[in-house]
C-alpha atoms as a PDB file:
ATOM      1  CA  MET A   1     -15.810 -12.065   5.470  1.00  0.00           C
ATOM      2  CA  LYS A   2     -16.618  -8.377   5.339  1.00  0.00           C
ATOM      3  CA  SER A   3     -14.744  -6.156   2.776  1.00  0.00           C
ATOM      4  CA  ARG A   4     -12.175  -4.989   5.269  1.00  0.00           C
ATOM      5  CA  PHE A   5     -10.104  -8.162   5.150  1.00  0.00           C
ATOM      6  CA  GLY A   6     -10.094  -8.153   1.410  1.00  0.00           C
ATOM      7  CA  MET A   7      -9.030  -4.665   1.306  1.00  0.00           C
ATOM      8  CA  VAL A   8      -5.957  -5.597   3.318  1.00  0.00           C
ATOM      9  CA  CYS A   9      -5.010  -8.234   0.985  1.00  0.00           C
ATOM     10  CA  ALA A  10      -5.605  -6.229  -2.181  1.00  0.00           C
ATOM     11  CA  CYS A  11      -3.753  -3.026  -0.899  1.00  0.00           C
ATOM     12  CA  LEU A  12      -0.337  -4.435   0.077  1.00  0.00           C
ATOM     13  CA  VAL A  13       2.542  -4.783  -2.236  1.00  0.00           C
ATOM     14  CA  VAL A  14       3.809  -7.864  -0.322  1.00  0.00           C
ATOM     15  CA  CYS A  15       1.001 -10.249  -1.468  1.00  0.00           C
ATOM     16  CA  CYS A  16      -1.119 -11.911   1.289  1.00  0.00           C
ATOM     17  CA  VAL A  17      -0.727 -15.581   1.014  1.00  0.00           C
ATOM     18  CA  LEU A  18      -3.553 -17.252   3.091  1.00  0.00           C
ATOM     19  CA  GLY A  19      -3.280 -20.753   2.037  1.00  0.00           C
ATOM     20  CA  PHE A  20       0.254 -21.079   0.800  1.00  0.00           C
ATOM     21  CA  ALA A  21       2.385 -19.005   3.144  1.00  0.00           C
ATOM     22  CA  ALA A  22       6.120 -19.538   2.888  1.00  0.00           C
ATOM     23  CA  ASP A  23       8.016 -21.946   5.102  1.00  0.00           C
ATOM     24  CA  GLY A  24       8.880 -19.114   7.612  1.00  0.00           C
ATOM     25  CA  SER A  25       5.166 -19.087   8.719  1.00  0.00           C
ATOM     26  CA  LYS A  26       5.307 -22.831  10.032  1.00  0.00           C
ATOM     27  CA  SER A  27       6.971 -21.915  13.394  1.00  0.00           C
ATOM     28  CA  THR A  28       4.427 -18.963  13.879  1.00  0.00           C
ATOM     29  CA  LEU A  29       1.463 -21.357  13.144  1.00  0.00           C
ATOM     30  CA  ALA A  30       2.819 -24.172  15.336  1.00  0.00           C
ATOM     31  CA  LYS A  31       3.071 -21.623  18.301  1.00  0.00           C
ATOM     32  CA  ALA A  32      -0.433 -20.235  17.621  1.00  0.00           C
ATOM     33  CA  ALA A  33      -1.822 -23.793  17.801  1.00  0.00           C
ATOM     34  CA  GLN A  34      -0.194 -24.003  21.350  1.00  0.00           C
ATOM     35  CA  LEU A  35      -1.875 -20.749  22.239  1.00  0.00           C
ATOM     36  CA  PHE A  36      -5.119 -21.029  20.650  1.00  0.00           C
ATOM     37  CA  GLY A  37      -5.806 -24.636  19.790  1.00  0.00           C
ATOM     38  CA  GLU A  38      -6.025 -26.068  16.100  1.00  0.00           C
ATOM     39  CA  GLN A  39      -6.863 -23.990  13.213  1.00  0.00           C
ATOM     40  CA  LEU A  40     -10.491 -23.672  12.290  1.00  0.00           C
ATOM     41  CA  SER A  41      -9.589 -22.907   8.663  1.00  0.00           C
ATOM     42  CA  VAL A  42      -6.208 -24.014   7.220  1.00  0.00           C
ATOM     43  CA  GLU A  43      -6.940 -21.888   4.198  1.00  0.00           C
ATOM     44  CA  HIS A  44      -7.390 -18.603   6.183  1.00  0.00           C
ATOM     45  CA  ARG A  45      -5.206 -19.405   9.127  1.00  0.00           C
ATOM     46  CA  VAL A  46      -8.020 -18.689  11.545  1.00  0.00           C
ATOM     47  CA  PHE A  47      -8.043 -19.936  15.287  1.00  0.00           C
ATOM     48  CA  ARG A  48     -10.631 -20.029  18.038  1.00  0.00           C
ATOM     49  CA  LEU A  49     -10.236 -17.272  20.647  1.00  0.00           C
ATOM     50  CA  ASN A  50     -13.209 -18.055  22.705  1.00  0.00           C
ATOM     51  CA  ASP A  51     -16.814 -19.342  22.122  1.00  0.00           C
ATOM     52  CA  ASP A  52     -17.516 -16.157  20.174  1.00  0.00           C
ATOM     53  CA  TYR A  53     -14.240 -14.659  18.910  1.00  0.00           C
ATOM     54  CA  VAL A  54     -11.751 -15.836  16.197  1.00  0.00           C
ATOM     55  CA  ILE A  55      -8.180 -14.444  15.392  1.00  0.00           C
ATOM     56  CA  TRP A  56      -6.781 -14.380  11.827  1.00  0.00           C
ATOM     57  CA  LEU A  57      -3.221 -14.495  11.029  1.00  0.00           C
ATOM     58  CA  VAL A  58      -2.051 -13.126   7.580  1.00  0.00           C
ATOM     59  CA  PHE A  59       1.491 -13.753   6.360  1.00  0.00           C
ATOM     60  CA  ASP A  60       3.377 -12.259   3.431  1.00  0.00           C
ATOM     61  CA  THR A  61       5.181 -14.038   0.694  1.00  0.00           C
ATOM     62  CA  ARG A  62       8.169 -14.480   3.018  1.00  0.00           C
ATOM     63  CA  GLY A  63       5.989 -16.180   5.658  1.00  0.00           C
ATOM     64  CA  ASP A  64       6.386 -13.142   7.796  1.00  0.00           C
ATOM     65  CA  LEU A  65       3.364 -12.257  10.030  1.00  0.00           C
ATOM     66  CA  PHE A  66       2.352  -8.741   9.165  1.00  0.00           C
ATOM     67  CA  TYR A  67      -1.462  -8.466  10.156  1.00  0.00           C
ATOM     68  CA  VAL A  68      -3.576 -10.003  12.791  1.00  0.00           C
ATOM     69  CA  ASP A  69      -7.494  -9.546  12.916  1.00  0.00           C
ATOM     70  CA  VAL A  70      -9.667 -10.369  15.878  1.00  0.00           C
ATOM     71  CA  GLY A  71     -13.319 -10.380  15.924  1.00  0.00           C
ATOM     72  CA  PRO A  72     -16.661 -12.203  16.536  1.00  0.00           C
ATOM     73  CA  ARG A  73     -17.536 -15.032  14.286  1.00  0.00           C
ATOM     74  CA  SER A  74     -20.905 -13.237  13.436  1.00  0.00           C
ATOM     75  CA  TYR A  75     -18.783 -10.292  12.013  1.00  0.00           C
ATOM     76  CA  TYR A  76     -17.190 -12.752   9.192  1.00  0.00           C
ATOM     77  CA  THR A  77     -20.393 -13.573   7.584  1.00  0.00           C
ATOM     78  CA  THR A  78     -18.605 -15.141   4.481  1.00  0.00           C
ATOM     79  CA  GLU A  79     -16.367 -17.542   6.347  1.00  0.00           C
ATOM     80  CA  PHE A  80     -18.940 -18.244   9.013  1.00  0.00           C
ATOM     81  CA  PRO A  81     -22.308 -18.291   7.400  1.00  0.00           C
ATOM     82  CA  ASP A  82     -23.816 -20.631  10.002  1.00  0.00           C
ATOM     83  CA  ALA A  83     -22.722 -18.244  12.880  1.00  0.00           C
ATOM     84  CA  LYS A  84     -25.999 -17.231  14.801  1.00  0.00           C
ATOM     85  CA  LYS A  85     -26.753 -13.506  14.765  1.00  0.00           C
ATOM     86  CA  PRO A  86     -26.308 -12.443  18.351  1.00  0.00           C
ATOM     87  CA  ALA A  87     -29.124 -10.989  20.312  1.00  0.00           C
ATOM     88  CA  LYS A  88     -26.834  -8.035  21.060  1.00  0.00           C
ATOM     89  CA  LEU A  89     -23.179  -7.217  19.868  1.00  0.00           C
ATOM     90  CA  GLU A  90     -20.559  -9.100  21.345  1.00  0.00           C
ATOM     91  CA  TYR A  91     -17.533  -7.207  22.950  1.00  0.00           C
ATOM     92  CA  LEU A  92     -14.135  -8.038  24.530  1.00  0.00           C
ATOM     93  CA  LEU A  93     -13.453  -6.341  27.745  1.00  0.00           C
ATOM     94  CA  GLU A  94     -10.349  -4.390  28.158  1.00  0.00           C
ATOM     95  CA  ARG A  95      -8.500  -7.175  30.141  1.00  0.00           C
ATOM     96  CA  GLU A  96      -9.617  -9.658  27.493  1.00  0.00           C
ATOM     97  CA  TYR A  97      -7.999  -7.317  24.689  1.00  0.00           C
ATOM     98  CA  GLU A  98      -4.649  -7.012  26.705  1.00  0.00           C
ATOM     99  CA  ASP A  99      -4.574 -10.761  27.307  1.00  0.00           C
ATOM    100  CA  THR A 100      -5.096 -11.541  23.586  1.00  0.00           C
ATOM    101  CA  LEU A 101      -2.454  -8.974  22.650  1.00  0.00           C
ATOM    102  CA  ASN A 102       0.052 -10.623  25.130  1.00  0.00           C
ATOM    103  CA  LYS A 103      -0.755 -13.957  23.240  1.00  0.00           C
ATOM    104  CA  ILE A 104      -0.121 -12.289  19.753  1.00  0.00           C
ATOM    105  CA  SER A 105       3.135 -10.901  21.064  1.00  0.00           C
ATOM    106  CA  GLN A 106       4.384 -14.484  21.578  1.00  0.00           C
ATOM    107  CA  LEU A 107       3.885 -14.873  18.000  1.00  0.00           C
ATOM    108  CA  LYS A 108       5.577 -11.738  16.947  1.00  0.00           C
ATOM    109  CA  LYS A 109       6.828  -9.068  19.297  1.00  0.00           C
ATOM    110  CA  ILE A 110       4.594  -5.983  19.395  1.00  0.00           C
ATOM    111  CA  GLY A 111       7.075  -4.167  22.036  1.00  0.00           C
ATOM    112  CA  LYS A 112       6.136  -1.833  24.667  1.00  0.00           C
ATOM    113  CA  LEU A 113       2.948   0.534  24.488  1.00  0.00           C
ATOM    114  CA  GLU A 114       4.282   4.001  23.387  1.00  0.00           C
ATOM    115  CA  GLU A 115       0.977   5.892  22.845  1.00  0.00           C
ATOM    116  CA  ARG A 116      -2.276   4.895  24.461  1.00  0.00           C
ATOM    117  CA  HIS A 117      -5.457   5.350  22.440  1.00  0.00           C
ATOM    118  CA  ALA A 118      -7.453   8.551  22.600  1.00  0.00           C
ATOM    119  CA  ASP A 119     -11.272   9.004  22.466  1.00  0.00           C
ATOM    120  CA  ALA A 120     -12.778   7.176  19.583  1.00  0.00           C
ATOM    121  CA  ILE A 121     -13.721   8.864  16.276  1.00  0.00           C
ATOM    122  CA  SER A 122     -16.156   7.810  13.549  1.00  0.00           C
ATOM    123  CA  SER A 123     -15.143   5.424  10.834  1.00  0.00           C
ATOM    124  CA  ASP A 124     -16.752   3.128   8.347  1.00  0.00           C
ATOM    125  CA  PHE A 125     -16.439   0.377  10.844  1.00  0.00           C
ATOM    126  CA  GLY A 126     -17.704   1.980  13.857  1.00  0.00           C
ATOM    127  CA  PRO A 127     -16.150   4.102  16.630  1.00  0.00           C
ATOM    128  CA  LEU A 128     -12.307   3.770  16.242  1.00  0.00           C
ATOM    129  CA  ASN A 129      -9.206   4.454  18.172  1.00  0.00           C
ATOM    130  CA  THR A 130      -5.704   3.297  18.170  1.00  0.00           C
ATOM    131  CA  ASP A 131      -2.814   2.117  20.315  1.00  0.00           C
ATOM    132  CA  ARG A 132       0.766   2.613  19.093  1.00  0.00           C
ATOM    133  CA  PHE A 133       3.342   0.134  20.278  1.00  0.00           C
ATOM    134  CA  GLU A 134       7.049  -0.123  19.642  1.00  0.00           C
ATOM    135  CA  LYS A 135       6.752  -2.502  16.823  1.00  0.00           C
ATOM    136  CA  ALA A 136       3.017  -2.401  15.878  1.00  0.00           C
ATOM    137  CA  PHE A 137      -0.243  -0.271  15.649  1.00  0.00           C
ATOM    138  CA  VAL A 138      -3.571  -1.545  16.942  1.00  0.00           C
ATOM    139  CA  ASP A 139      -6.882  -0.228  15.449  1.00  0.00           C
ATOM    140  CA  ARG A 140      -9.815  -0.813  18.010  1.00  0.00           C
ATOM    141  CA  ILE A 141     -13.414  -0.815  16.964  1.00  0.00           C
ATOM    142  CA  VAL A 142     -15.150   0.084  20.290  1.00  0.00           C
ATOM    143  CA  ALA A 143     -18.568   0.393  21.805  1.00  0.00           C
ATOM    144  CA  LYS A 144     -20.392   3.686  21.510  1.00  0.00           C
ATOM    145  CA  GLY A 145     -20.507   6.313  24.244  1.00  0.00           C
ATOM    146  CA  GLY A 146     -16.985   6.128  25.300  1.00  0.00           C
ATOM    147  CA  SER A 147     -17.023   2.367  26.797  1.00  0.00           C
ATOM    148  CA  GLU A 148     -13.691   0.503  26.757  1.00  0.00           C
ATOM    149  CA  GLU A 149     -15.456  -2.554  25.372  1.00  0.00           C
ATOM    150  CA  ILE A 150     -13.913  -3.680  22.147  1.00  0.00           C
ATOM    151  CA  ARG A 151     -15.928  -5.015  19.136  1.00  0.00           C
ATOM    152  CA  LYS A 152     -12.958  -6.122  17.228  1.00  0.00           C
ATOM    153  CA  PHE A 153      -9.267  -5.058  16.638  1.00  0.00           C
ATOM    154  CA  SER A 154      -6.481  -5.270  14.048  1.00  0.00           C
ATOM    155  CA  VAL A 155      -2.838  -5.422  14.656  1.00  0.00           C
ATOM    156  CA  TYR A 156      -0.565  -4.104  12.014  1.00  0.00           C
ATOM    157  CA  PHE A 157       3.063  -4.869  12.490  1.00  0.00           C
ATOM    158  CA  LEU A 158       5.610  -2.470  11.037  1.00  0.00           C
ATOM    159  CA  GLN A 159       7.137  -3.530   7.733  1.00  0.00           C
ATOM    160  CA  HIS A 160       9.343  -1.912   5.150  1.00  0.00           C
ATOM    161  CA  ARG A 161       7.587  -0.653   2.035  1.00  0.00           C
ATOM    162  CA  ALA A 162       8.820   1.354  -1.046  1.00  0.00           C
ATOM    163  CA  GLY A 163       6.584   3.978  -2.606  1.00  0.00           C
ATOM    164  CA  SER A 164       5.963   7.515  -3.296  1.00  0.00           C
ATOM    165  CA  PRO A 165       3.946   9.167  -0.479  1.00  0.00           C
ATOM    166  CA  GLU A 166       0.966  11.003  -1.631  1.00  0.00           C
ATOM    167  CA  GLN A 167      -0.022  12.799   1.565  1.00  0.00           C
ATOM    168  CA  LEU A 168       0.841  13.046   5.189  1.00  0.00           C
ATOM    169  CA  LYS A 169      -1.701  13.720   8.012  1.00  0.00           C
ATOM    170  CA  THR A 170      -1.985  13.051  11.835  1.00  0.00           C
ATOM    171  CA  VAL A 171      -5.163  11.515  13.389  1.00  0.00           C
ATOM    172  CA  GLN A 172      -5.691  11.178  17.138  1.00  0.00           C
ATOM    173  CA  GLY A 173      -1.920  11.839  17.472  1.00  0.00           C
ATOM    174  CA  GLN A 174      -0.925   9.091  15.019  1.00  0.00           C
ATOM    175  CA  PRO A 175       1.072  10.068  11.948  1.00  0.00           C
ATOM    176  CA  MET A 176      -0.175   8.334   8.686  1.00  0.00           C
ATOM    177  CA  VAL A 177       0.981   8.317   5.098  1.00  0.00           C
ATOM    178  CA  CYS A 178      -1.060   7.744   2.020  1.00  0.00           C
ATOM    179  CA  LEU A 179       0.471   5.209  -0.465  1.00  0.00           C
ATOM    180  CA  GLY A 180      -1.583   4.098  -3.520  1.00  0.00           C
ATOM    181  CA  SER A 181      -4.694   5.912  -2.166  1.00  0.00           C
ATOM    182  CA  VAL A 182      -4.739   3.911   1.096  1.00  0.00           C
ATOM    183  CA  TRP A 183      -3.575   5.076   4.529  1.00  0.00           C
ATOM    184  CA  TYR A 184      -0.843   3.543   6.617  1.00  0.00           C
ATOM    185  CA  TYR A 185       0.510   4.343  10.034  1.00  0.00           C
ATOM    186  CA  LEU A 186       3.961   5.766  10.582  1.00  0.00           C
ATOM    187  CA  PRO A 187       6.202   5.757  13.493  1.00  0.00           C
ATOM    188  CA  PRO A 188       6.668   9.537  14.501  1.00  0.00           C
ATOM    189  CA  GLU A 189      10.471   9.551  13.857  1.00  0.00           C
ATOM    190  CA  VAL A 190       9.941   8.095  10.295  1.00  0.00           C
ATOM    191  CA  ALA A 191       7.115  10.709   9.636  1.00  0.00           C
ATOM    192  CA  ARG A 192       9.519  13.583  10.302  1.00  0.00           C
ATOM    193  CA  LYS A 193      11.854  12.384   7.485  1.00  0.00           C
ATOM    194  CA  ILE A 194       9.090  11.716   4.837  1.00  0.00           C
ATOM    195  CA  GLU A 195       9.132  13.818   1.678  1.00  0.00           C
ATOM    196  CA  VAL A 196       5.870  13.887  -0.188  1.00  0.00           C
ATOM    197  CA  GLY A 197       6.274  12.810  -3.842  1.00  0.00           C
ATOM    198  CA  LYS A 198       9.718  11.301  -3.325  1.00  0.00           C
ATOM    199  CA  TRP A 199      10.015   7.584  -3.803  1.00  0.00           C
ATOM    200  CA  GLU A 200      11.568   5.979  -0.740  1.00  0.00           C
ATOM    201  CA  THR A 201      11.689   2.838   1.508  1.00  0.00           C
ATOM    202  CA  MET A 202       9.896   3.513   4.788  1.00  0.00           C
ATOM    203  CA  GLN A 203       8.508   1.772   7.767  1.00  0.00           C
ATOM    204  CA  ILE A 204       4.692   1.557   7.723  1.00  0.00           C
ATOM    205  CA  ALA A 205       1.750  -0.422   9.399  1.00  0.00           C
ATOM    206  CA  GLY A 206      -1.451  -1.152   7.822  1.00  0.00           C
ATOM    207  CA  PRO A 207      -3.370  -0.465   5.568  1.00  0.00           C
ATOM    208  CA  ASN A 208      -5.462   0.825   8.545  1.00  0.00           C
ATOM    209  CA  LEU A 209      -9.163   1.288   9.187  1.00  0.00           C
ATOM    210  CA  HIS A 210      -9.083   4.944   7.960  1.00  0.00           C
ATOM    211  CA  GLY A 211      -9.624   3.114   4.545  1.00  0.00           C
ATOM    212  CA  THR A 212      -9.246   4.602   1.116  1.00  0.00           C
ATOM    213  CA  THR A 213     -11.056   7.949   1.589  1.00  0.00           C
ATOM    214  CA  GLY A 214      -9.619  11.464   2.120  1.00  0.00           C
ATOM    215  CA  CYS A 215      -6.339  10.920   0.390  1.00  0.00           C
ATOM    216  CA  ILE A 216      -5.471  13.899  -1.733  1.00  0.00           C
ATOM    217  CA  ARG A 217      -2.693  13.949  -4.128  1.00  0.00           C
ATOM    218  CA  THR A 218      -0.927  17.276  -3.286  1.00  0.00           C
ATOM    219  CA  THR A 219       2.061  17.026  -5.616  1.00  0.00           C
ATOM    220  CA  ALA A 220       3.511  14.892  -8.646  1.00  0.00           C
ATOM    221  CA  LEU A 221       4.592  11.639  -7.547  1.00  0.00           C
ATOM    222  CA  HIS A 222       7.835   9.949  -8.759  1.00  0.00           C
ATOM    223  CA  ASP A 223       9.013   6.420  -8.983  1.00  0.00           C
ATOM    224  CA  ALA A 224      12.329   4.807  -8.025  1.00  0.00           C
ATOM    225  CA  ASP A 225      14.005   6.192 -11.324  1.00  0.00           C
ATOM    226  CA  GLY A 226      12.696   9.628 -10.623  1.00  0.00           C
ATOM    227  CA  PHE A 227      10.026   9.580 -13.339  1.00  0.00           C
ATOM    228  CA  THR A 228       6.512  10.859 -12.774  1.00  0.00           C
ATOM    229  CA  LEU A 229       3.918   8.426 -11.726  1.00  0.00           C
ATOM    230  CA  GLU A 230       0.471   8.523 -13.356  1.00  0.00           C
ATOM    231  CA  GLU A 231      -2.666   8.722 -11.569  1.00  0.00           C
ATOM    232  CA  PRO A 232      -4.110   6.027 -11.141  1.00  0.00           C
ATOM    233  CA  GLN A 233      -1.102   3.849 -11.480  1.00  0.00           C
ATOM    234  CA  ILE A 234      -1.876   1.364 -14.134  1.00  0.00           C
ATOM    235  CA  THR A 235       0.117  -1.295 -15.858  1.00  0.00           C
ATOM    236  CA  THR A 236       3.130   0.274 -17.658  1.00  0.00           C
ATOM    237  CA  ILE A 237       3.829  -0.812 -21.402  1.00  0.00           C
ATOM    238  CA  VAL A 238       7.420  -1.855 -21.634  1.00  0.00           C
ATOM    239  CA  MET A 239       8.664  -1.204 -25.426  1.00  0.00           C
ATOM    240  CA  SER A 240      10.794  -4.320 -26.325  1.00  0.00           C
ATOM    241  CA  GLN A 241      12.791  -2.642 -29.089  1.00  0.00           C
ATOM    242  CA  PRO A 242      15.076   0.343 -28.330  1.00  0.00           C
ATOM    243  CA  TYR A 243      14.797   3.652 -30.306  1.00  0.00           C
ATOM    244  CA  ARG A 244      17.933   4.992 -32.058  1.00  0.00           C
ATOM    245  CA  VAL A 245      17.597   8.835 -32.962  1.00  0.00           C
ATOM    246  CA  GLN A 246      19.813  11.717 -33.286  1.00  0.00           C
ATOM    247  CA  ALA A 247      17.959  13.878 -30.859  1.00  0.00           C
ATOM    248  CA  LEU A 248      15.258  13.652 -27.973  1.00  0.00           C
ATOM    249  CA  ALA A 249      12.301  15.181 -29.945  1.00  0.00           C
ATOM    250  CA  GLY A 250       9.057  13.927 -31.241  1.00  0.00           C
ATOM    251  CA  CYS A 251       5.449  13.574 -30.615  1.00  0.00           C
ATOM    252  CA  VAL A 252       2.932  11.758 -28.584  1.00  0.00           C
ATOM    253  CA  SER A 253      -0.675  10.762 -29.845  1.00  0.00           C
ATOM    254  CA  ILE A 254      -3.827   8.799 -29.048  1.00  0.00           C
ATOM    255  CA  GLY A 255      -4.783   7.058 -32.217  1.00  0.00           C
ATOM    256  CA  ASP A 256      -4.142   9.692 -34.888  1.00  0.00           C
ATOM    257  CA  GLN A 257      -4.842  12.647 -32.594  1.00  0.00           C
ATOM    258  CA  PRO A 258      -2.031  14.606 -30.823  1.00  0.00           C
ATOM    259  CA  LEU A 259      -1.928  14.505 -27.106  1.00  0.00           C
ATOM    260  CA  GLU A 260      -1.085  17.655 -25.014  1.00  0.00           C
ATOM    261  CA  GLY A 261       0.215  17.675 -21.469  1.00  0.00           C
ATOM    262  CA  VAL A 262       2.159  14.316 -21.590  1.00  0.00           C
ATOM    263  CA  ASN A 263       5.322  13.884 -19.496  1.00  0.00           C
ATOM    264  CA  VAL A 264       8.205  12.731 -21.584  1.00  0.00           C
ATOM    265  CA  GLU A 265      11.185  12.028 -19.241  1.00  0.00           C
ATOM    266  CA  VAL A 266      14.623  10.411 -19.806  1.00  0.00           C
ATOM    267  CA  ARG A 267      17.661   9.499 -17.616  1.00  0.00           C
ATOM    268  CA  HIS A 268      21.012   8.831 -19.018  1.00  0.00           C
ATOM    269  CA  LYS A 269      22.638   5.589 -18.026  1.00  0.00           C
ATOM    270  CA  GLY A 270      24.686   5.922 -15.048  1.00  0.00           C
ATOM    271  CA  SER A 271      23.112   9.318 -14.124  1.00  0.00           C
ATOM    272  CA  ARG A 272      20.403  10.009 -11.450  1.00  0.00           C
ATOM    273  CA  LYS A 273      19.328  13.285 -13.297  1.00  0.00           C
ATOM    274  CA  VAL A 274      16.100  13.225 -15.079  1.00  0.00           C
ATOM    275  CA  LEU A 275      15.573  15.296 -18.232  1.00  0.00           C
ATOM    276  CA  ARG A 276      11.866  16.343 -18.754  1.00  0.00           C
ATOM    277  CA  SER A 277       9.515  17.689 -21.228  1.00  0.00           C
ATOM    278  CA  LYS A 278       5.794  18.075 -21.668  1.00  0.00           C
ATOM    279  CA  THR A 279       3.808  17.974 -25.068  1.00  0.00           C
ATOM    280  CA  ASN A 280       2.213  21.049 -26.314  1.00  0.00           C
ATOM    281  CA  ALA A 281      -1.227  21.247 -28.183  1.00  0.00           C
ATOM    282  CA  ALA A 282       0.401  19.670 -31.341  1.00  0.00           C
ATOM    283  CA  GLY A 283       1.475  16.702 -29.161  1.00  0.00           C
ATOM    284  CA  ALA A 284       5.225  17.666 -29.816  1.00  0.00           C
ATOM    285  CA  PHE A 285       8.029  17.621 -27.132  1.00  0.00           C
ATOM    286  CA  LEU A 286      11.803  18.530 -27.254  1.00  0.00           C
ATOM    287  CA  ILE A 287      14.643  17.677 -24.688  1.00  0.00           C
ATOM    288  CA  PRO A 288      17.401  19.915 -26.165  1.00  0.00           C
ATOM    289  CA  GLY A 289      21.156  19.252 -25.838  1.00  0.00           C
ATOM    290  CA  ALA A 290      20.975  15.733 -24.818  1.00  0.00           C
ATOM    291  CA  PRO A 291      24.559  14.261 -25.378  1.00  0.00           C
ATOM    292  CA  GLU A 292      24.901  10.856 -27.132  1.00  0.00           C
ATOM    293  CA  GLY A 293      24.451   7.552 -25.089  1.00  0.00           C
ATOM    294  CA  GLN A 294      21.874   5.244 -23.742  1.00  0.00           C
ATOM    295  CA  TYR A 295      18.709   6.626 -21.896  1.00  0.00           C
ATOM    296  CA  LYS A 296      15.959   5.063 -20.023  1.00  0.00           C
ATOM    297  CA  PHE A 297      12.670   6.848 -20.700  1.00  0.00           C
ATOM    298  CA  LYS A 298       9.061   7.085 -19.541  1.00  0.00           C
ATOM    299  CA  VAL A 299       6.060   8.584 -20.993  1.00  0.00           C
ATOM    300  CA  THR A 300       3.003   9.302 -18.789  1.00  0.00           C
ATOM    301  CA  LYS A 301      -0.246  11.055 -18.464  1.00  0.00           C
ATOM    302  CA  ASP A 302      -2.895  10.671 -15.934  1.00  0.00           C
ATOM    303  CA  GLY A 303      -5.510   8.207 -17.062  1.00  0.00           C
ATOM    304  CA  PHE A 304      -3.225   6.473 -19.648  1.00  0.00           C
ATOM    305  CA  HIS A 305      -0.968   3.478 -19.486  1.00  0.00           C
ATOM    306  CA  ALA A 306       2.610   4.581 -19.154  1.00  0.00           C
ATOM    307  CA  LEU A 307       5.174   3.620 -21.751  1.00  0.00           C
ATOM    308  CA  SER A 308       8.782   2.817 -20.723  1.00  0.00           C
ATOM    309  CA  GLY A 309      11.897   1.548 -22.579  1.00  0.00           C
ATOM    310  CA  THR A 310      15.210   2.564 -24.059  1.00  0.00           C
ATOM    311  CA  ILE A 311      16.435   5.200 -26.360  1.00  0.00           C
ATOM    312  CA  PHE A 312      19.914   5.346 -27.811  1.00  0.00           C
ATOM    313  CA  VAL A 313      20.943   9.008 -28.963  1.00  0.00           C
ATOM    314  CA  ASP A 314      23.465   8.750 -31.879  1.00  0.00           C
ATOM    315  CA  HIS A 315      24.222  11.823 -34.038  1.00  0.00           C
ATOM    316  CA  LYS A 316      24.858   9.300 -36.836  1.00  0.00           C
ATOM    317  CA  ALA A 317      21.436   7.717 -36.703  1.00  0.00           C
ATOM    318  CA  PRO A 318      18.704   8.047 -39.415  1.00  0.00           C
ATOM    319  CA  PRO A 319      16.971  11.396 -39.316  1.00  0.00           C
ATOM    320  CA  GLN A 320      13.719  10.363 -37.590  1.00  0.00           C
ATOM    321  CA  ARG A 321      11.746  11.717 -34.745  1.00  0.00           C
ATOM    322  CA  LEU A 322      10.391   9.790 -31.679  1.00  0.00           C
ATOM    323  CA  SER A 323       6.779   8.877 -31.902  1.00  0.00           C
ATOM    324  CA  PHE A 324       4.875   7.463 -28.904  1.00  0.00           C
ATOM    325  CA  GLU A 325       1.206   6.335 -28.723  1.00  0.00           C
ATOM    326  CA  LEU A 326      -0.520   6.168 -25.430  1.00  0.00           C
ATOM    327  CA  TYR A 327      -3.500   4.063 -24.538  1.00  0.00           C
ATOM    328  CA  VAL A 328      -6.357   4.781 -22.228  1.00  0.00           C
ATOM    329  CA  GLY A 329      -6.063   2.940 -19.045  1.00  0.00           C
ATOM    330  CA  THR A 330      -8.731   0.451 -18.040  1.00  0.00           C
END
């Protein structure tokens, strides 16, 4: 299949499970078999729509249907290598599109149409417009020249996702949020409450066909603990042994060289307040006046693996300073 399908699986925090969806998918698959016939591929949950078109069902790890892709066999060259290249591009008529949506809604409700698509805009996949429903968004790749014929379409059901929004924008009247450098749709009432850079759980749909381009980090991003997120977000190294020191002071290095501009942040156990410092040219940092107790910490700098762990501030501890070493992300 073309890269679009793989991008959806790669971008979502809830993992795509194509061959081994949870038991919750069984009733949906049974209903799909009634509507479309037996699966063409058990591994990929793909069904026949008509002689030219197929429909893909994608479930999350809970067995919940969150994404449906509809397109001609000839579009999915990896899964259907023997599909004949058509003399001209295949399209669905508007009534065929609506009939297919009605069948998909029998698998999982999409709700009423709340905003009909506008004129198509350019995308990496062809002319694109979007229908917004009560419980889903639908991206439509359409024929050139303003025709209502549809080359393929994707249905994204609303789901809850936790993350730190990087950017908000509106395209063709549809609010969108960038998470992890990928664009997702937002219901308008949700978009009005989003705060860029603040970790939160929100309703989103996607990732959509606007892809991974044009997402600009406009402010520092924070995780669920309120700590700064590095860019790009790489694997965090968790320190297994806690530190015990008299004060929150020390240095950060890369190898034997001091590292400037590193975020050193701590949060006292039971508190939501984050105390912050940034290393100077000598790699040194200081968070003054921290009371005794247990702290969760995180050390971050863009392009490096983050460090996290536990610090105990104890005025009777040996007189040693904190020392952190960061590693370049790969």
